[in-house]
Amino acid sequence: MAISKKLRFETFKRDGFICQYCGRRPPEIVLEVDHILSRKQKGKDSPENLITACFDCNREKGAKDLKIAPKTIQEKKEILKEKQLQLKEFYKLQQSIQDSIQLDIINLGINWEKLPQGKESVSEHGRLSLKNLLRIFPNFEIEEAMEMAWMKNHIKDENKFKYMCGILWTKKRQREEQGE
């Protein structure tokens, strides 16, 4: 019975489309699926008993028994599982960071509205600005700049958010000049 096309390509994908004996890959060679324990020796067509091999290596090996899968396959399988686990955890961390940033933006927007004369809510553009500012400044520095902006009576209310951003960018530039 022939190995299904799906199982063949799953084996190729698992092994990175590389011959597990010689390390060559297409288009240099044509890949095949080899049985670790041959069918003659009652080896099954299961993923654990299949390995990616090039035409030359597979013909050279013939029906010889490998006893066990080459270490590289087992190691690759473990490494792949570890990579998948790490990637899953990395994405969870990234989502947690994004959630935290969104919460900080909401809280800063609420604080902006609570300031004396702070009638205007933060616009969509303002929220994007806060997101960028949060990459550089801690919340308390942004809140201090908000308070400073609202203390400047000679600045129109509609320009106070821009003024607050200007305070922070000036602070960043000064830090860079001082080598902090």
N, C-alpha and C. Protein backbone atom coordinates (compact mmCIF):
# COMPACT_ATOMS: atom_id res chain seq x y z
N MET A 1 0.85 -1.18 0.00
CA MET A 1 0.00 0.00 0.00
C MET A 1 0.89 1.24 0.00
N ALA A 2 0.58 2.18 -0.87
CA ALA A 2 1.38 3.40 -1.00
C ALA A 2 1.06 4.37 0.13
N ILE A 3 2.07 5.17 0.49
CA ILE A 3 1.88 6.21 1.51
C ILE A 3 1.08 7.34 0.87
N SER A 4 0.10 7.84 1.60
CA SER A 4 -0.74 8.90 1.04
C SER A 4 0.09 10.17 0.80
N LYS A 5 -0.37 10.94 -0.16
CA LYS A 5 0.30 12.20 -0.50
C LYS A 5 0.34 13.12 0.72
N LYS A 6 -0.76 13.15 1.48
CA LYS A 6 -0.82 14.00 2.66
C LYS A 6 0.23 13.60 3.69
N LEU A 7 0.34 12.30 3.98
CA LEU A 7 1.31 11.82 4.96
C LEU A 7 2.74 12.06 4.47
N ARG A 8 2.94 11.90 3.17
CA ARG A 8 4.25 12.14 2.59
C ARG A 8 4.67 13.60 2.81
N PHE A 9 3.77 14.53 2.51
CA PHE A 9 4.11 15.94 2.65
C PHE A 9 4.17 16.38 4.11
N GLU A 10 3.40 15.76 4.98
CA GLU A 10 3.52 16.04 6.42
C GLU A 10 4.91 15.62 6.90
N THR A 11 5.40 14.50 6.41
CA THR A 11 6.75 14.04 6.77
C THR A 11 7.79 15.00 6.23
N PHE A 12 7.63 15.43 4.98
CA PHE A 12 8.56 16.41 4.40
C PHE A 12 8.57 17.70 5.23
N LYS A 13 7.38 18.19 5.58
CA LYS A 13 7.30 19.43 6.36
C LYS A 13 7.97 19.27 7.72
N ARG A 14 7.67 18.17 8.39
CA ARG A 14 8.27 17.92 9.70
C ARG A 14 9.79 17.94 9.63
N ASP A 15 10.33 17.37 8.55
CA ASP A 15 11.79 17.26 8.39
C ASP A 15 12.39 18.45 7.65
N GLY A 16 11.59 19.47 7.40
CA GLY A 16 12.10 20.69 6.77
C GLY A 16 12.48 20.52 5.31
N PHE A 17 11.89 19.53 4.63
CA PHE A 17 12.18 19.25 3.22
C PHE A 17 13.68 19.02 3.01
N ILE A 18 14.28 18.30 3.96
CA ILE A 18 15.71 17.99 3.91
C ILE A 18 15.90 16.49 4.06
N CYS A 19 16.76 15.90 3.24
CA CYS A 19 17.10 14.49 3.39
C CYS A 19 17.77 14.32 4.75
N GLN A 20 17.22 13.44 5.56
CA GLN A 20 17.72 13.26 6.91
C GLN A 20 19.01 12.43 6.97
N TYR A 21 19.42 11.91 5.83
CA TYR A 21 20.67 11.16 5.77
C TYR A 21 21.84 12.03 5.32
N CYS A 22 21.63 12.78 4.24
CA CYS A 22 22.75 13.53 3.65
C CYS A 22 22.61 15.05 3.79
N GLY A 23 21.41 15.53 4.16
CA GLY A 23 21.22 16.96 4.36
C GLY A 23 20.92 17.75 3.11
N ARG A 24 20.83 17.09 1.97
CA ARG A 24 20.51 17.83 0.74
C ARG A 24 19.02 18.12 0.67
N ARG A 25 18.68 19.10 -0.17
CA ARG A 25 17.28 19.51 -0.30
C ARG A 25 16.96 19.81 -1.76
N PRO A 26 15.66 19.85 -2.11
CA PRO A 26 15.27 20.23 -3.47
C PRO A 26 15.72 21.65 -3.76
N PRO A 27 15.97 22.01 -5.00
CA PRO A 27 15.75 21.25 -6.23
C PRO A 27 16.93 20.35 -6.60
N GLU A 28 17.96 20.35 -5.76
CA GLU A 28 19.14 19.54 -6.04
C GLU A 28 18.79 18.04 -6.13
N ILE A 29 17.82 17.60 -5.36
CA ILE A 29 17.46 16.19 -5.30
C ILE A 29 15.95 16.05 -5.28
N VAL A 30 15.48 14.81 -5.45
CA VAL A 30 14.06 14.49 -5.34
C VAL A 30 13.88 13.77 -4.00
N LEU A 31 12.89 14.23 -3.24
CA LEU A 31 12.65 13.63 -1.93
C LEU A 31 11.69 12.46 -2.00
N GLU A 32 11.90 11.53 -1.09
CA GLU A 32 11.01 10.39 -0.91
C GLU A 32 10.79 10.20 0.58
N VAL A 33 9.83 9.37 0.91
CA VAL A 33 9.63 9.01 2.31
C VAL A 33 10.18 7.61 2.49
N ASP A 34 11.00 7.45 3.52
CA ASP A 34 11.62 6.16 3.81
C ASP A 34 11.05 5.63 5.12
N HIS A 35 10.98 4.32 5.22
CA HIS A 35 10.56 3.69 6.47
C HIS A 35 11.79 3.43 7.32
N ILE A 36 11.72 3.82 8.58
CA ILE A 36 12.83 3.55 9.50
C ILE A 36 12.91 2.05 9.72
N LEU A 37 11.78 1.45 10.05
CA LEU A 37 11.67 -0.01 10.10
C LEU A 37 10.93 -0.40 8.84
N SER A 38 11.58 -1.14 7.95
CA SER A 38 11.02 -1.41 6.63
C SER A 38 9.71 -2.18 6.71
N ARG A 39 8.94 -2.08 5.64
CA ARG A 39 7.68 -2.82 5.55
C ARG A 39 7.95 -4.32 5.63
N LYS A 40 9.07 -4.75 5.04
CA LYS A 40 9.43 -6.18 5.09
C LYS A 40 9.57 -6.64 6.53
N GLN A 41 9.99 -5.71 7.38
CA GLN A 41 10.17 -6.05 8.80
C GLN A 41 8.96 -5.60 9.62
N LYS A 42 7.83 -5.47 8.92
CA LYS A 42 6.54 -5.12 9.52
C LYS A 42 6.50 -3.69 10.07
N GLY A 43 7.28 -2.80 9.45
CA GLY A 43 7.23 -1.39 9.80
C GLY A 43 5.94 -0.77 9.31
N LYS A 44 5.38 0.09 10.07
CA LYS A 44 4.09 0.72 9.75
C LYS A 44 4.28 2.02 8.97
N ASP A 45 3.19 2.47 8.37
CA ASP A 45 3.18 3.75 7.67
C ASP A 45 2.75 4.86 8.64
N SER A 46 3.36 4.90 9.79
CA SER A 46 3.01 5.92 10.80
C SER A 46 4.08 7.01 10.78
N PRO A 47 3.72 8.23 11.17
CA PRO A 47 4.68 9.34 11.15
C PRO A 47 5.97 9.02 11.92
N GLU A 48 5.84 8.27 13.01
CA GLU A 48 7.01 7.94 13.83
C GLU A 48 7.97 7.00 13.10
N ASN A 49 7.47 6.28 12.09
CA ASN A 49 8.30 5.32 11.37
C ASN A 49 8.73 5.84 10.00
N LEU A 50 8.42 7.09 9.70
CA LEU A 50 8.75 7.65 8.39
C LEU A 50 9.80 8.74 8.53
N ILE A 51 10.61 8.85 7.49
CA ILE A 51 11.70 9.82 7.47
C ILE A 51 11.85 10.35 6.05
N THR A 52 12.26 11.60 5.92
CA THR A 52 12.50 12.18 4.61
C THR A 52 13.89 11.76 4.14
N ALA A 53 13.93 11.24 2.91
CA ALA A 53 15.20 10.81 2.32
C ALA A 53 15.22 11.20 0.86
N CYS A 54 16.42 11.43 0.34
CA CYS A 54 16.52 11.68 -1.10
C CYS A 54 16.50 10.33 -1.82
N PHE A 55 16.28 10.38 -3.11
CA PHE A 55 16.21 9.17 -3.92
C PHE A 55 17.47 8.32 -3.74
N ASP A 56 18.66 8.94 -3.82
CA ASP A 56 19.92 8.19 -3.72
C ASP A 56 20.07 7.53 -2.35
N CYS A 57 19.85 8.26 -1.28
CA CYS A 57 20.01 7.70 0.07
C CYS A 57 19.00 6.59 0.34
N ASN A 58 17.77 6.78 -0.14
CA ASN A 58 16.74 5.78 0.09
C ASN A 58 17.08 4.48 -0.65
N ARG A 59 17.58 4.59 -1.87
CA ARG A 59 17.94 3.39 -2.63
C ARG A 59 19.15 2.69 -2.01
N GLU A 60 20.09 3.47 -1.50
CA GLU A 60 21.29 2.90 -0.90
C GLU A 60 20.95 2.15 0.39
N LYS A 61 20.03 2.70 1.16
CA LYS A 61 19.65 2.07 2.42
C LYS A 61 18.88 0.80 2.17
N GLY A 62 18.01 0.83 1.19
CA GLY A 62 17.20 -0.34 0.89
C GLY A 62 16.30 -0.70 2.06
N ALA A 63 16.19 -1.99 2.34
CA ALA A 63 15.31 -2.47 3.41
C ALA A 63 16.08 -2.70 4.72
N LYS A 64 17.27 -2.13 4.82
CA LYS A 64 18.04 -2.29 6.05
C LYS A 64 17.30 -1.63 7.21
N ASP A 65 17.38 -2.25 8.36
CA ASP A 65 16.72 -1.74 9.56
C ASP A 65 17.60 -0.70 10.23
N LEU A 66 17.02 0.46 10.51
CA LEU A 66 17.76 1.49 11.23
C LEU A 66 17.63 1.33 12.74
N LYS A 67 16.80 0.40 13.18
CA LYS A 67 16.50 0.15 14.59
C LYS A 67 15.72 1.32 15.22
N ILE A 68 16.27 2.48 15.17
CA ILE A 68 15.58 3.66 15.71
C ILE A 68 15.73 4.81 14.73
N ALA A 69 14.90 5.79 14.88
CA ALA A 69 14.99 6.97 14.01
C ALA A 69 16.31 7.68 14.29
N PRO A 70 16.92 8.24 13.26
CA PRO A 70 18.14 9.02 13.51
C PRO A 70 17.84 10.09 14.56
N LYS A 71 18.81 10.34 15.40
CA LYS A 71 18.62 11.31 16.48
C LYS A 71 18.12 12.64 15.97
N THR A 72 18.59 13.02 14.79
CA THR A 72 18.22 14.34 14.29
C THR A 72 16.71 14.49 14.17
N ILE A 73 16.00 13.45 13.82
CA ILE A 73 14.54 13.55 13.70
C ILE A 73 13.93 13.73 15.08
N GLN A 74 14.34 12.93 16.02
CA GLN A 74 13.79 13.04 17.36
C GLN A 74 14.13 14.41 17.96
N GLU A 75 15.36 14.85 17.76
CA GLU A 75 15.75 16.16 18.27
C GLU A 75 14.96 17.27 17.59
N LYS A 76 14.79 17.15 16.28
CA LYS A 76 14.03 18.17 15.56
C LYS A 76 12.59 18.22 16.03
N LYS A 77 12.03 17.06 16.30
CA LYS A 77 10.65 17.01 16.77
C LYS A 77 10.54 17.70 18.14
N GLU A 78 11.49 17.43 19.03
CA GLU A 78 11.48 18.07 20.34
C GLU A 78 11.71 19.57 20.22
N ILE A 79 12.64 19.96 19.34
CA ILE A 79 12.91 21.38 19.14
C ILE A 79 11.68 22.08 18.57
N LEU A 80 11.02 21.42 17.62
CA LEU A 80 9.81 22.00 17.02
C LEU A 80 8.73 22.19 18.08
N LYS A 81 8.55 21.19 18.93
CA LYS A 81 7.56 21.32 20.01
C LYS A 81 7.93 22.48 20.92
N GLU A 82 9.21 22.59 21.26
CA GLU A 82 9.66 23.68 22.13
C GLU A 82 9.45 25.03 21.45
N LYS A 83 9.77 25.11 20.14
CA LYS A 83 9.55 26.36 19.41
C LYS A 83 8.08 26.75 19.42
N GLN A 84 7.21 25.77 19.19
CA GLN A 84 5.78 26.05 19.17
C GLN A 84 5.31 26.54 20.53
N LEU A 85 5.79 25.90 21.60
CA LEU A 85 5.42 26.33 22.94
C LEU A 85 5.92 27.74 23.23
N GLN A 86 7.18 28.01 22.86
CA GLN A 86 7.74 29.34 23.09
C GLN A 86 6.99 30.39 22.28
N LEU A 87 6.66 30.07 21.04
CA LEU A 87 5.93 31.01 20.20
C LEU A 87 4.55 31.31 20.78
N LYS A 88 3.89 30.28 21.28
CA LYS A 88 2.58 30.47 21.91
C LYS A 88 2.70 31.39 23.12
N GLU A 89 3.70 31.15 23.96
CA GLU A 89 3.91 31.99 25.14
C GLU A 89 4.32 33.41 24.75
N PHE A 90 5.14 33.54 23.69
CA PHE A 90 5.54 34.85 23.20
C PHE A 90 4.31 35.65 22.76
N TYR A 91 3.42 35.01 22.01
CA TYR A 91 2.21 35.70 21.56
C TYR A 91 1.32 36.09 22.74
N LYS A 92 1.25 35.24 23.75
CA LYS A 92 0.48 35.59 24.95
C LYS A 92 1.08 36.81 25.63
N LEU A 93 2.41 36.84 25.73
CA LEU A 93 3.08 37.99 26.33
C LEU A 93 2.83 39.25 25.52
N GLN A 94 2.95 39.15 24.18
CA GLN A 94 2.71 40.31 23.32
C GLN A 94 1.29 40.82 23.50
N GLN A 95 0.33 39.91 23.59
CA GLN A 95 -1.07 40.32 23.78
C GLN A 95 -1.24 40.99 25.13
N SER A 96 -0.59 40.47 26.14
CA SER A 96 -0.65 41.06 27.48
C SER A 96 -0.08 42.48 27.46
N ILE A 97 1.04 42.65 26.76
CA ILE A 97 1.65 43.98 26.64
C ILE A 97 0.71 44.94 25.92
N GLN A 98 0.11 44.48 24.83
CA GLN A 98 -0.82 45.33 24.07
C GLN A 98 -2.03 45.70 24.93
N ASP A 99 -2.54 44.73 25.70
CA ASP A 99 -3.68 45.01 26.58
C ASP A 99 -3.30 46.05 27.63
N SER A 100 -2.10 45.93 28.17
CA SER A 100 -1.61 46.88 29.18
C SER A 100 -1.48 48.28 28.58
N ILE A 101 -0.94 48.36 27.37
CA ILE A 101 -0.79 49.65 26.70
C ILE A 101 -2.16 50.28 26.45
N GLN A 102 -3.12 49.48 25.99
CA GLN A 102 -4.47 50.00 25.74
C GLN A 102 -5.09 50.53 27.03
N LEU A 103 -4.87 49.81 28.13
CA LEU A 103 -5.39 50.26 29.42
C LEU A 103 -4.72 51.57 29.84
N ASP A 104 -3.41 51.66 29.63
CA ASP A 104 -2.69 52.91 29.95
C ASP A 104 -3.23 54.07 29.12
N ILE A 105 -3.50 53.84 27.84
CA ILE A 105 -4.04 54.89 26.97
C ILE A 105 -5.40 55.35 27.48
N ILE A 106 -6.24 54.39 27.85
CA ILE A 106 -7.57 54.73 28.38
C ILE A 106 -7.44 55.57 29.65
N ASN A 107 -6.57 55.11 30.56
CA ASN A 107 -6.40 55.83 31.83
C ASN A 107 -5.82 57.23 31.61
N LEU A 108 -4.87 57.36 30.70
CA LEU A 108 -4.31 58.68 30.42
C LEU A 108 -5.38 59.59 29.81
N GLY A 109 -6.23 59.03 28.96
CA GLY A 109 -7.33 59.81 28.39
C GLY A 109 -8.30 60.28 29.46
N ILE A 110 -8.60 59.42 30.41
CA ILE A 110 -9.48 59.79 31.53
C ILE A 110 -8.82 60.89 32.36
N ASN A 111 -7.52 60.73 32.63
CA ASN A 111 -6.80 61.75 33.40
C ASN A 111 -6.78 63.09 32.67
N TRP A 112 -6.65 63.05 31.35
CA TRP A 112 -6.67 64.28 30.55
C TRP A 112 -7.99 65.02 30.74
N GLU A 113 -9.08 64.27 30.72
CA GLU A 113 -10.41 64.87 30.86
C GLU A 113 -10.67 65.39 32.28
N LYS A 114 -10.00 64.80 33.27
CA LYS A 114 -10.19 65.22 34.67
C LYS A 114 -9.43 66.48 35.03
N LEU A 115 -8.44 66.85 34.21
CA LEU A 115 -7.64 68.04 34.51
C LEU A 115 -8.52 69.28 34.44
N PRO A 116 -8.14 70.33 35.19
CA PRO A 116 -8.94 71.57 35.16
C PRO A 116 -9.15 72.04 33.72
N GLN A 117 -10.33 72.33 33.38
CA GLN A 117 -10.73 72.81 32.05
C GLN A 117 -10.58 71.73 30.98
N GLY A 118 -10.29 70.52 31.36
CA GLY A 118 -10.12 69.44 30.38
C GLY A 118 -11.45 68.91 29.90
N LYS A 119 -12.04 69.63 28.98
CA LYS A 119 -13.37 69.28 28.49
C LYS A 119 -13.29 68.32 27.32
N GLU A 120 -12.23 68.44 26.55
CA GLU A 120 -12.11 67.64 25.34
C GLU A 120 -11.56 66.26 25.64
N SER A 121 -12.15 65.25 25.02
CA SER A 121 -11.59 63.90 25.16
C SER A 121 -10.44 63.76 24.15
N VAL A 122 -9.63 62.76 24.37
CA VAL A 122 -8.47 62.53 23.52
C VAL A 122 -8.95 61.93 22.20
N SER A 123 -8.54 62.53 21.08
CA SER A 123 -8.94 62.05 19.76
C SER A 123 -8.24 60.74 19.41
N GLU A 124 -8.65 60.15 18.31
CA GLU A 124 -7.99 58.92 17.82
C GLU A 124 -6.51 59.20 17.54
N HIS A 125 -6.23 60.34 16.93
CA HIS A 125 -4.84 60.73 16.68
C HIS A 125 -4.09 60.90 18.01
N GLY A 126 -4.78 61.46 18.99
CA GLY A 126 -4.18 61.63 20.32
C GLY A 126 -3.87 60.30 20.98
N ARG A 127 -4.77 59.31 20.79
CA ARG A 127 -4.52 57.98 21.36
C ARG A 127 -3.30 57.34 20.71
N LEU A 128 -3.14 57.54 19.41
CA LEU A 128 -1.94 57.01 18.72
C LEU A 128 -0.68 57.71 19.25
N SER A 129 -0.80 59.01 19.49
CA SER A 129 0.34 59.75 20.06
C SER A 129 0.68 59.21 21.44
N LEU A 130 -0.33 58.94 22.26
CA LEU A 130 -0.09 58.40 23.60
C LEU A 130 0.58 57.02 23.51
N LYS A 131 0.15 56.23 22.56
CA LYS A 131 0.77 54.91 22.38
C LYS A 131 2.26 55.06 22.08
N ASN A 132 2.61 55.98 21.20
CA ASN A 132 4.02 56.23 20.88
C ASN A 132 4.77 56.79 22.08
N LEU A 133 4.13 57.68 22.81
CA LEU A 133 4.77 58.27 23.99
C LEU A 133 5.02 57.21 25.06
N LEU A 134 4.10 56.27 25.21
CA LEU A 134 4.25 55.22 26.21
C LEU A 134 5.44 54.30 25.92
N ARG A 135 5.90 54.27 24.69
CA ARG A 135 7.09 53.48 24.35
C ARG A 135 8.35 54.12 24.90
N ILE A 136 8.26 55.42 25.19
CA ILE A 136 9.44 56.19 25.61
C ILE A 136 9.35 56.64 27.06
N PHE A 137 8.15 57.03 27.48
CA PHE A 137 7.98 57.64 28.80
C PHE A 137 7.07 56.80 29.69
N PRO A 138 7.37 56.79 30.98
CA PRO A 138 6.43 56.14 31.91
C PRO A 138 5.18 57.02 32.08
N ASN A 139 4.12 56.39 32.53
CA ASN A 139 2.84 57.11 32.69
C ASN A 139 2.99 58.40 33.48
N PHE A 140 3.72 58.35 34.60
CA PHE A 140 3.78 59.53 35.47
C PHE A 140 4.40 60.73 34.74
N GLU A 141 5.36 60.51 33.83
CA GLU A 141 5.95 61.64 33.10
C GLU A 141 4.95 62.21 32.10
N ILE A 142 4.15 61.36 31.51
CA ILE A 142 3.11 61.84 30.58
C ILE A 142 2.08 62.65 31.37
N GLU A 143 1.69 62.13 32.54
CA GLU A 143 0.72 62.85 33.37
C GLU A 143 1.27 64.20 33.83
N GLU A 144 2.55 64.26 34.17
CA GLU A 144 3.18 65.53 34.56
C GLU A 144 3.13 66.52 33.40
N ALA A 145 3.42 66.04 32.19
CA ALA A 145 3.39 66.92 31.01
C ALA A 145 1.96 67.39 30.74
N MET A 146 0.98 66.54 31.00
CA MET A 146 -0.43 66.95 30.84
C MET A 146 -0.74 68.10 31.79
N GLU A 147 -0.34 67.93 33.04
CA GLU A 147 -0.60 68.98 34.04
C GLU A 147 0.10 70.28 33.66
N MET A 148 1.34 70.17 33.19
CA MET A 148 2.09 71.37 32.78
C MET A 148 1.38 72.08 31.63
N ALA A 149 0.87 71.29 30.68
CA ALA A 149 0.18 71.89 29.53
C ALA A 149 -1.07 72.64 29.98
N TRP A 150 -1.82 72.07 30.92
CA TRP A 150 -3.05 72.72 31.37
C TRP A 150 -2.77 73.94 32.24
N MET A 151 -1.57 74.05 32.80
CA MET A 151 -1.22 75.23 33.61
C MET A 151 -0.89 76.43 32.73
N LYS A 152 -0.62 76.22 31.45
CA LYS A 152 -0.26 77.32 30.54
C LYS A 152 -1.55 77.98 30.04
N ASN A 153 -1.95 79.03 30.68
CA ASN A 153 -3.19 79.72 30.35
C ASN A 153 -3.13 80.44 29.00
N HIS A 154 -1.94 80.80 28.56
CA HIS A 154 -1.82 81.53 27.29
C HIS A 154 -1.98 80.60 26.07
N ILE A 155 -2.06 79.29 26.30
CA ILE A 155 -2.23 78.32 25.19
C ILE A 155 -3.70 77.93 25.12
N LYS A 156 -4.23 77.97 23.91
CA LYS A 156 -5.64 77.61 23.72
C LYS A 156 -5.85 76.14 24.08
N ASP A 157 -7.03 75.84 24.59
CA ASP A 157 -7.35 74.48 25.03
C ASP A 157 -7.13 73.44 23.93
N GLU A 158 -7.52 73.80 22.70
CA GLU A 158 -7.39 72.84 21.60
C GLU A 158 -5.94 72.56 21.22
N ASN A 159 -5.00 73.39 21.71
CA ASN A 159 -3.57 73.19 21.41
C ASN A 159 -2.79 72.58 22.58
N LYS A 160 -3.48 72.37 23.69
CA LYS A 160 -2.77 71.89 24.89
C LYS A 160 -2.24 70.47 24.73
N PHE A 161 -2.93 69.62 24.00
CA PHE A 161 -2.43 68.25 23.80
C PHE A 161 -1.14 68.28 22.99
N LYS A 162 -1.11 69.10 21.94
CA LYS A 162 0.12 69.26 21.14
C LYS A 162 1.24 69.81 22.00
N TYR A 163 0.89 70.76 22.86
CA TYR A 163 1.90 71.36 23.75
C TYR A 163 2.46 70.30 24.70
N MET A 164 1.57 69.46 25.23
CA MET A 164 1.99 68.37 26.12
C MET A 164 2.96 67.44 25.39
N CYS A 165 2.65 67.11 24.16
CA CYS A 165 3.55 66.26 23.35
C CYS A 165 4.89 66.95 23.15
N GLY A 166 4.84 68.25 22.90
CA GLY A 166 6.07 69.02 22.71
C GLY A 166 6.95 69.00 23.95
N ILE A 167 6.34 69.07 25.12
CA ILE A 167 7.09 69.01 26.38
C ILE A 167 7.85 67.69 26.46
N LEU A 168 7.16 66.61 26.13
CA LEU A 168 7.78 65.28 26.22
C LEU A 168 8.88 65.09 25.17
N TRP A 169 8.65 65.53 23.94
CA TRP A 169 9.68 65.37 22.91
C TRP A 169 10.91 66.22 23.23
N THR A 170 10.68 67.38 23.82
CA THR A 170 11.81 68.22 24.24
C THR A 170 12.59 67.50 25.33
N LYS A 171 11.88 66.91 26.27
CA LYS A 171 12.52 66.16 27.35
C LYS A 171 13.35 65.00 26.77
N LYS A 172 12.80 64.32 25.78
CA LYS A 172 13.52 63.20 25.14
C LYS A 172 14.80 63.71 24.46
N ARG A 173 14.67 64.81 23.72
CA ARG A 173 15.83 65.38 23.02
C ARG A 173 16.92 65.80 24.01
N GLN A 174 16.51 66.41 25.13
CA GLN A 174 17.48 66.83 26.15
C GLN A 174 18.20 65.63 26.75
N ARG A 175 17.48 64.56 26.98
CA ARG A 175 18.09 63.34 27.52
C ARG A 175 19.10 62.75 26.54
N GLU A 176 18.74 62.77 25.27
CA GLU A 176 19.65 62.26 24.24
C GLU A 176 20.93 63.09 24.18
N GLU A 177 20.76 64.40 24.28
CA GLU A 177 21.93 65.29 24.26
C GLU A 177 22.83 65.08 25.47
N GLN A 178 22.23 64.71 26.59
CA GLN A 178 23.00 64.47 27.82
C GLN A 178 23.53 63.04 27.87
N GLY A 179 23.17 62.25 26.89
CA GLY A 179 23.66 60.86 26.81
C GLY A 179 22.99 59.91 27.76
N GLU A 180 21.79 60.19 28.18
CA GLU A 180 21.06 59.30 29.09
C GLU A 180 20.42 58.18 28.33
